[in-house]
C-alpha cells in the first residue's frame, strides 16, 4: 500500500517538546515500514494551527489524494 505522511507543528514550543517535524517523520516512517507501507510523499506544515483548515501542505495532500482516486 502506498501512503503519504503528514507532519505539523504550530509553535516553537511543540518543536522543543520532542514533537519536532523530524521526530514525527521518524515515527511515521517506522510505522509505515513495520506495516509494509510504501511512503510516496511527505507533507509538512510548520507554524500552522490544527484548528485551521487552510494548512498549505494539508490541502495539497488532500488535493493530490483526490486526483489518485
PDB file of N, CA and C in Angstrom:
ATOM      1  N   UNK A   1       0.841  -1.169   0.000  1.00  0.00           N
ATOM      2  CA  UNK A   1       0.000   0.000   0.000  1.00  0.00           C
ATOM      3  C   UNK A   1       0.893   1.242   0.000  1.00  0.00           C
ATOM      4  N   UNK A   2       0.555   2.197  -0.845  1.00  0.00           N
ATOM      5  CA  UNK A   2       1.276   3.461  -0.882  1.00  0.00           C
ATOM      6  C   UNK A   2       0.596   4.445   0.062  1.00  0.00           C
ATOM      7  N   UNK A   3       1.418   5.197   0.795  1.00  0.00           N
ATOM      8  CA  UNK A   3       0.884   6.164   1.751  1.00  0.00           C
ATOM      9  C   UNK A   3       1.647   7.481   1.667  1.00  0.00           C
ATOM     10  N   UNK A   4       0.980   8.533   2.070  1.00  0.00           N
ATOM     11  CA  UNK A   4       1.607   9.837   2.241  1.00  0.00           C
ATOM     12  C   UNK A   4       1.712  10.092   3.741  1.00  0.00           C
ATOM     13  N   UNK A   5       2.743  10.808   4.134  1.00  0.00           N
ATOM     14  CA  UNK A   5       2.923  11.156   5.539  1.00  0.00           C
ATOM     15  C   UNK A   5       2.661  12.644   5.717  1.00  0.00           C
ATOM     16  N   UNK A   6       2.035  12.987   6.834  1.00  0.00           N
ATOM     17  CA  UNK A   6       1.761  14.391   7.140  1.00  0.00           C
ATOM     18  C   UNK A   6       2.277  14.702   8.530  1.00  0.00           C
ATOM     19  N   UNK A   7       3.081  15.752   8.627  1.00  0.00           N
ATOM     20  CA  UNK A   7       3.606  16.205   9.915  1.00  0.00           C
ATOM     21  C   UNK A   7       3.345  17.695  10.042  1.00  0.00           C
ATOM     22  N   UNK A   8       3.097  18.129  11.296  1.00  0.00           N
ATOM     23  CA  UNK A   8       2.767  19.536  11.524  1.00  0.00           C
ATOM     24  C   UNK A   8       3.152  19.942  12.937  1.00  0.00           C
ATOM     25  N   UNK A   9       3.658  21.146  13.062  1.00  0.00           N
ATOM     26  CA  UNK A   9       3.811  21.787  14.366  1.00  0.00           C
ATOM     27  C   UNK A   9       3.227  23.185  14.246  1.00  0.00           C
ATOM     28  N   UNK A  10       2.686  23.671  15.362  1.00  0.00           N
ATOM     29  CA  UNK A  10       2.093  25.003  15.320  1.00  0.00           C
ATOM     30  C   UNK A  10       2.948  26.042  16.027  1.00  0.00           C
ATOM     31  N   UNK A  11       3.925  25.577  16.815  1.00  0.00           N
ATOM     32  CA  UNK A  11       4.726  26.541  17.568  1.00  0.00           C
ATOM     33  C   UNK A  11       6.123  26.001  17.837  1.00  0.00           C
ATOM     34  N   UNK A  12       7.025  26.917  18.193  1.00  0.00           N
ATOM     35  CA  UNK A  12       8.375  26.512  18.582  1.00  0.00           C
ATOM     36  C   UNK A  12       8.328  25.663  19.839  1.00  0.00           C
ATOM     37  N   UNK A  13       7.348  25.917  20.701  1.00  0.00           N
ATOM     38  CA  UNK A  13       7.212  25.159  21.940  1.00  0.00           C
ATOM     39  C   UNK A  13       6.977  23.679  21.642  1.00  0.00           C
ATOM     40  N   UNK A  14       6.164  23.374  20.659  1.00  0.00           N
ATOM     41  CA  UNK A  14       5.935  21.978  20.280  1.00  0.00           C
ATOM     42  C   UNK A  14       7.224  21.353  19.776  1.00  0.00           C
ATOM     43  N   UNK A  15       7.978  22.104  19.005  1.00  0.00           N
ATOM     44  CA  UNK A  15       9.230  21.598  18.460  1.00  0.00           C
ATOM     45  C   UNK A  15      10.185  21.239  19.581  1.00  0.00           C
ATOM     46  N   UNK A  16      10.225  22.054  20.621  1.00  0.00           N
ATOM     47  CA  UNK A  16      11.123  21.821  21.747  1.00  0.00           C
ATOM     48  C   UNK A  16      10.678  20.648  22.604  1.00  0.00           C
ATOM     49  N   UNK A  17       9.427  20.265  22.553  1.00  0.00           N
ATOM     50  CA  UNK A  17       8.908  19.176  23.386  1.00  0.00           C
ATOM     51  C   UNK A  17       8.981  17.825  22.679  1.00  0.00           C
ATOM     52  N   UNK A  18       9.957  17.650  21.819  1.00  0.00           N
ATOM     53  CA  UNK A  18      10.162  16.391  21.095  1.00  0.00           C
ATOM     54  C   UNK A  18       9.005  16.066  20.153  1.00  0.00           C
ATOM     55  N   UNK A  19       8.294  17.089  19.733  1.00  0.00           N
ATOM     56  CA  UNK A  19       7.249  16.922  18.727  1.00  0.00           C
ATOM     57  C   UNK A  19       7.687  17.535  17.407  1.00  0.00           C
ATOM     58  N   UNK A  20       8.982  17.618  17.204  1.00  0.00           N
ATOM     59  CA  UNK A  20       9.512  18.261  16.007  1.00  0.00           C
ATOM     60  C   UNK A  20       9.090  17.500  14.755  1.00  0.00           C
ATOM     61  N   UNK A  21       9.176  18.173  13.637  1.00  0.00           N
ATOM     62  CA  UNK A  21       8.867  17.537  12.353  1.00  0.00           C
ATOM     63  C   UNK A  21       9.730  16.291  12.153  1.00  0.00           C
ATOM     64  N   UNK A  22      11.058  16.374  12.348  1.00  0.00           N
ATOM     65  CA  UNK A  22      11.874  15.165  12.172  1.00  0.00           C
ATOM     66  C   UNK A  22      11.453  14.019  13.096  1.00  0.00           C
ATOM     67  N   UNK A  23      11.086  14.338  14.337  1.00  0.00           N
ATOM     68  CA  UNK A  23      10.631  13.290  15.266  1.00  0.00           C
ATOM     69  C   UNK A  23       9.344  12.639  14.777  1.00  0.00           C
ATOM     70  N   UNK A  24       8.407  13.457  14.326  1.00  0.00           N
ATOM     71  CA  UNK A  24       7.148  12.921  13.807  1.00  0.00           C
ATOM     72  C   UNK A  24       7.394  12.039  12.586  1.00  0.00           C
ATOM     73  N   UNK A  25       8.245  12.524  11.678  1.00  0.00           N
ATOM     74  CA  UNK A  25       8.507  11.759  10.455  1.00  0.00           C
ATOM     75  C   UNK A  25       9.216  10.444  10.750  1.00  0.00           C
ATOM     76  N   UNK A  26      10.122  10.441  11.720  1.00  0.00           N
ATOM     77  CA  UNK A  26      10.778   9.175  12.107  1.00  0.00           C
ATOM     78  C   UNK A  26       9.741   8.150  12.557  1.00  0.00           C
ATOM     79  N   UNK A  27       8.823   8.582  13.416  1.00  0.00           N
ATOM     80  CA  UNK A  27       7.780   7.672  13.907  1.00  0.00           C
ATOM     81  C   UNK A  27       6.862   7.206  12.779  1.00  0.00           C
ATOM     82  N   UNK A  28       6.500   8.122  11.901  1.00  0.00           N
ATOM     83  CA  UNK A  28       5.620   7.764  10.786  1.00  0.00           C
ATOM     84  C   UNK A  28       6.300   6.806   9.815  1.00  0.00           C
ATOM     85  N   UNK A  29       7.571   7.053   9.519  1.00  0.00           N
ATOM     86  CA  UNK A  29       8.308   6.145   8.629  1.00  0.00           C
ATOM     87  C   UNK A  29       8.446   4.762   9.265  1.00  0.00           C
ATOM     88  N   UNK A  30       8.698   4.722  10.567  1.00  0.00           N
ATOM     89  CA  UNK A  30       8.820   3.438  11.274  1.00  0.00           C
ATOM     90  C   UNK A  30       7.495   2.681  11.205  1.00  0.00           C
ATOM     91  N   UNK A  31       6.390   3.374  11.448  1.00  0.00           N
ATOM     92  CA  UNK A  31       5.073   2.744  11.371  1.00  0.00           C
ATOM     93  C   UNK A  31       4.832   2.189   9.969  1.00  0.00           C
ATOM     94  N   UNK A  32       5.118   2.998   8.970  1.00  0.00           N
ATOM     95  CA  UNK A  32       4.911   2.559   7.583  1.00  0.00           C
ATOM     96  C   UNK A  32       5.762   1.332   7.271  1.00  0.00           C
ATOM     97  N   UNK A  33       7.012   1.365   7.684  1.00  0.00           N
ATOM     98  CA  UNK A  33       7.904   0.226   7.436  1.00  0.00           C
ATOM     99  C   UNK A  33       7.397  -1.026   8.143  1.00  0.00           C
ATOM    100  N   UNK A  34       7.005  -0.887   9.399  1.00  0.00           N
ATOM    101  CA  UNK A  34       6.516  -2.031  10.182  1.00  0.00           C
ATOM    102  C   UNK A  34       5.240  -2.637   9.608  1.00  0.00           C
ATOM    103  N   UNK A  35       4.494  -1.856   8.844  1.00  0.00           N
ATOM    104  CA  UNK A  35       3.228  -2.326   8.279  1.00  0.00           C
ATOM    105  C   UNK A  35       3.282  -2.482   6.758  1.00  0.00           C
ATOM    106  N   UNK A  36       4.503  -2.622   6.248  1.00  0.00           N
ATOM    107  CA  UNK A  36       4.727  -2.864   4.812  1.00  0.00           C
ATOM    108  C   UNK A  36       4.051  -1.832   3.916  1.00  0.00           C
ATOM    109  N   UNK A  37       4.163  -0.587   4.305  1.00  0.00           N
ATOM    110  CA  UNK A  37       3.608   0.507   3.515  1.00  0.00           C
ATOM    111  C   UNK A  37       4.735   1.232   2.787  1.00  0.00           C
ATOM    112  N   UNK A  38       4.444   1.666   1.576  1.00  0.00           N
ATOM    113  CA  UNK A  38       5.422   2.408   0.784  1.00  0.00           C
ATOM    114  C   UNK A  38       5.099   3.903   0.854  1.00  0.00           C
ATOM    115  N   UNK A  39       6.034   4.664   1.399  1.00  0.00           N
ATOM    116  CA  UNK A  39       5.840   6.112   1.503  1.00  0.00           C
ATOM    117  C   UNK A  39       6.175   6.746   0.162  1.00  0.00           C
ATOM    118  N   UNK A  40       5.217   7.457  -0.419  1.00  0.00           N
ATOM    119  CA  UNK A  40       5.487   8.090  -1.705  1.00  0.00           C
ATOM    120  C   UNK A  40       5.701   9.591  -1.584  1.00  0.00           C
ATOM    121  N   UNK A  41       5.268  10.192  -0.454  1.00  0.00           N
ATOM    122  CA  UNK A  41       5.484  11.628  -0.297  1.00  0.00           C
ATOM    123  C   UNK A  41       5.278  12.041   1.153  1.00  0.00           C
ATOM    124  N   UNK A  42       6.005  13.080   1.551  1.00  0.00           N
ATOM    125  CA  UNK A  42       5.838  13.686   2.867  1.00  0.00           C
ATOM    126  C   UNK A  42       5.244  15.082   2.682  1.00  0.00           C
ATOM    127  N   UNK A  43       4.274  15.409   3.514  1.00  0.00           N
ATOM    128  CA  UNK A  43       3.672  16.740   3.522  1.00  0.00           C
ATOM    129  C   UNK A  43       3.946  17.353   4.890  1.00  0.00           C
ATOM    130  N   UNK A  44       4.438  18.585   4.899  1.00  0.00           N
ATOM    131  CA  UNK A  44       4.859  19.213   6.151  1.00  0.00           C
ATOM    132  C   UNK A  44       4.307  20.629   6.240  1.00  0.00           C
ATOM    133  N   UNK A  45       3.668  20.919   7.369  1.00  0.00           N
ATOM    134  CA  UNK A  45       3.216  22.272   7.677  1.00  0.00           C
ATOM    135  C   UNK A  45       3.889  22.708   8.977  1.00  0.00           C
ATOM    136  N   UNK A  46       4.608  23.812   8.927  1.00  0.00           N
ATOM    137  CA  UNK A  46       5.236  24.371  10.126  1.00  0.00           C
ATOM    138  C   UNK A  46       4.541  25.675  10.482  1.00  0.00           C
ATOM    139  N   UNK A  47       4.271  25.850  11.759  1.00  0.00           N
ATOM    140  CA  UNK A  47       3.630  27.084  12.214  1.00  0.00           C
ATOM    141  C   UNK A  47       2.163  27.173  11.857  1.00  0.00           C
ATOM    142  N   UNK A  48       1.519  26.036  11.667  1.00  0.00           N
ATOM    143  CA  UNK A  48       0.101  26.006  11.286  1.00  0.00           C
ATOM    144  C   UNK A  48      -0.728  25.370  12.401  1.00  0.00           C
ATOM    145  N   UNK A  49      -1.769  26.033  12.811  1.00  0.00           N
ATOM    146  CA  UNK A  49      -2.648  25.526  13.856  1.00  0.00           C
ATOM    147  C   UNK A  49      -3.486  24.357  13.341  1.00  0.00           C
ATOM    148  N   UNK A  50      -3.703  23.392  14.210  1.00  0.00           N
ATOM    149  CA  UNK A  50      -4.559  22.256  13.853  1.00  0.00           C
ATOM    150  C   UNK A  50      -6.008  22.709  13.663  1.00  0.00           C
ATOM    151  N   UNK A  51      -6.353  23.845  14.239  1.00  0.00           N
ATOM    152  CA  UNK A  51      -7.719  24.355  14.120  1.00  0.00           C
ATOM    153  C   UNK A  51      -7.994  24.980  12.759  1.00  0.00           C
ATOM    154  N   UNK A  52      -6.922  25.299  12.030  1.00  0.00           N
ATOM    155  CA  UNK A  52      -7.081  25.921  10.716  1.00  0.00           C
ATOM    156  C   UNK A  52      -7.209  24.854   9.636  1.00  0.00           C
ATOM    157  N   UNK A  53      -8.198  25.012   8.788  1.00  0.00           N
ATOM    158  CA  UNK A  53      -8.359  24.086   7.665  1.00  0.00           C
ATOM    159  C   UNK A  53      -7.497  24.521   6.476  1.00  0.00           C
ATOM    160  N   UNK A  54      -6.974  25.722   6.531  1.00  0.00           N
ATOM    161  CA  UNK A  54      -6.190  26.277   5.428  1.00  0.00           C
ATOM    162  C   UNK A  54      -4.690  26.054   5.598  1.00  0.00           C
ATOM    163  N   UNK A  55      -4.310  24.834   5.897  1.00  0.00           N
ATOM    164  CA  UNK A  55      -2.893  24.489   6.021  1.00  0.00           C
ATOM    165  C   UNK A  55      -2.402  24.067   4.639  1.00  0.00           C
ATOM    166  N   UNK A  56      -1.411  24.770   4.087  1.00  0.00           N
ATOM    167  CA  UNK A  56      -0.985  24.536   2.702  1.00  0.00           C
ATOM    168  C   UNK A  56      -0.633  23.082   2.371  1.00  0.00           C
ATOM    169  N   UNK A  57       0.211  22.460   3.158  1.00  0.00           N
ATOM    170  CA  UNK A  57       0.619  21.085   2.840  1.00  0.00           C
ATOM    171  C   UNK A  57      -0.543  20.113   3.019  1.00  0.00           C
ATOM    172  N   UNK A  58      -1.383  20.357   4.021  1.00  0.00           N
ATOM    173  CA  UNK A  58      -2.543  19.502   4.246  1.00  0.00           C
ATOM    174  C   UNK A  58      -3.489  19.569   3.049  1.00  0.00           C
ATOM    175  N   UNK A  59      -3.754  20.794   2.577  1.00  0.00           N
ATOM    176  CA  UNK A  59      -4.640  20.961   1.421  1.00  0.00           C
ATOM    177  C   UNK A  59      -4.040  20.333   0.167  1.00  0.00           C
ATOM    178  N   UNK A  60      -2.723  20.462   0.007  1.00  0.00           N
ATOM    179  CA  UNK A  60      -2.055  19.827  -1.137  1.00  0.00           C
ATOM    180  C   UNK A  60      -2.206  18.310  -1.070  1.00  0.00           C
ATOM    181  N   UNK A  61      -2.044  17.752   0.136  1.00  0.00           N
ATOM    182  CA  UNK A  61      -2.174  16.310   0.317  1.00  0.00           C
ATOM    183  C   UNK A  61      -3.587  15.848  -0.051  1.00  0.00           C
ATOM    184  N   UNK A  62      -4.594  16.568   0.401  1.00  0.00           N
ATOM    185  CA  UNK A  62      -5.982  16.215   0.088  1.00  0.00           C
ATOM    186  C   UNK A  62      -6.218  16.295  -1.420  1.00  0.00           C
ATOM    187  N   UNK A  63      -5.753  17.375  -2.053  1.00  0.00           N
ATOM    188  CA  UNK A  63      -5.919  17.560  -3.489  1.00  0.00           C
ATOM    189  C   UNK A  63      -5.243  16.431  -4.266  1.00  0.00           C
ATOM    190  N   UNK A  64      -4.000  16.114  -3.912  1.00  0.00           N
ATOM    191  CA  UNK A  64      -3.255  15.058  -4.607  1.00  0.00           C
ATOM    192  C   UNK A  64      -3.925  13.698  -4.415  1.00  0.00           C
ATOM    193  N   UNK A  65      -4.429  13.446  -3.229  1.00  0.00           N
ATOM    194  CA  UNK A  65      -5.088  12.170  -2.950  1.00  0.00           C
ATOM    195  C   UNK A  65      -6.361  12.032  -3.780  1.00  0.00           C
ATOM    196  N   UNK A  66      -7.134  13.091  -3.863  1.00  0.00           N
ATOM    197  CA  UNK A  66      -8.373  13.044  -4.651  1.00  0.00           C
ATOM    198  C   UNK A  66      -8.085  12.802  -6.128  1.00  0.00           C
ATOM    199  N   UNK A  67      -6.954  13.310  -6.619  1.00  0.00           N
ATOM    200  CA  UNK A  67      -6.586  13.078  -8.017  1.00  0.00           C
ATOM    201  C   UNK A  67      -6.284  11.603  -8.273  1.00  0.00           C
ATOM    202  N   UNK A  68      -5.813  10.894  -7.256  1.00  0.00           N
ATOM    203  CA  UNK A  68      -5.430   9.491  -7.403  1.00  0.00           C
ATOM    204  C   UNK A  68      -6.626   8.547  -7.333  1.00  0.00           C
ATOM    205  N   UNK A  69      -7.718   9.013  -6.785  1.00  0.00           N
ATOM    206  CA  UNK A  69      -8.891   8.136  -6.592  1.00  0.00           C
ATOM    207  C   UNK A  69      -9.717   8.058  -7.854  1.00  0.00           C
TER     208      UNK A  69
END
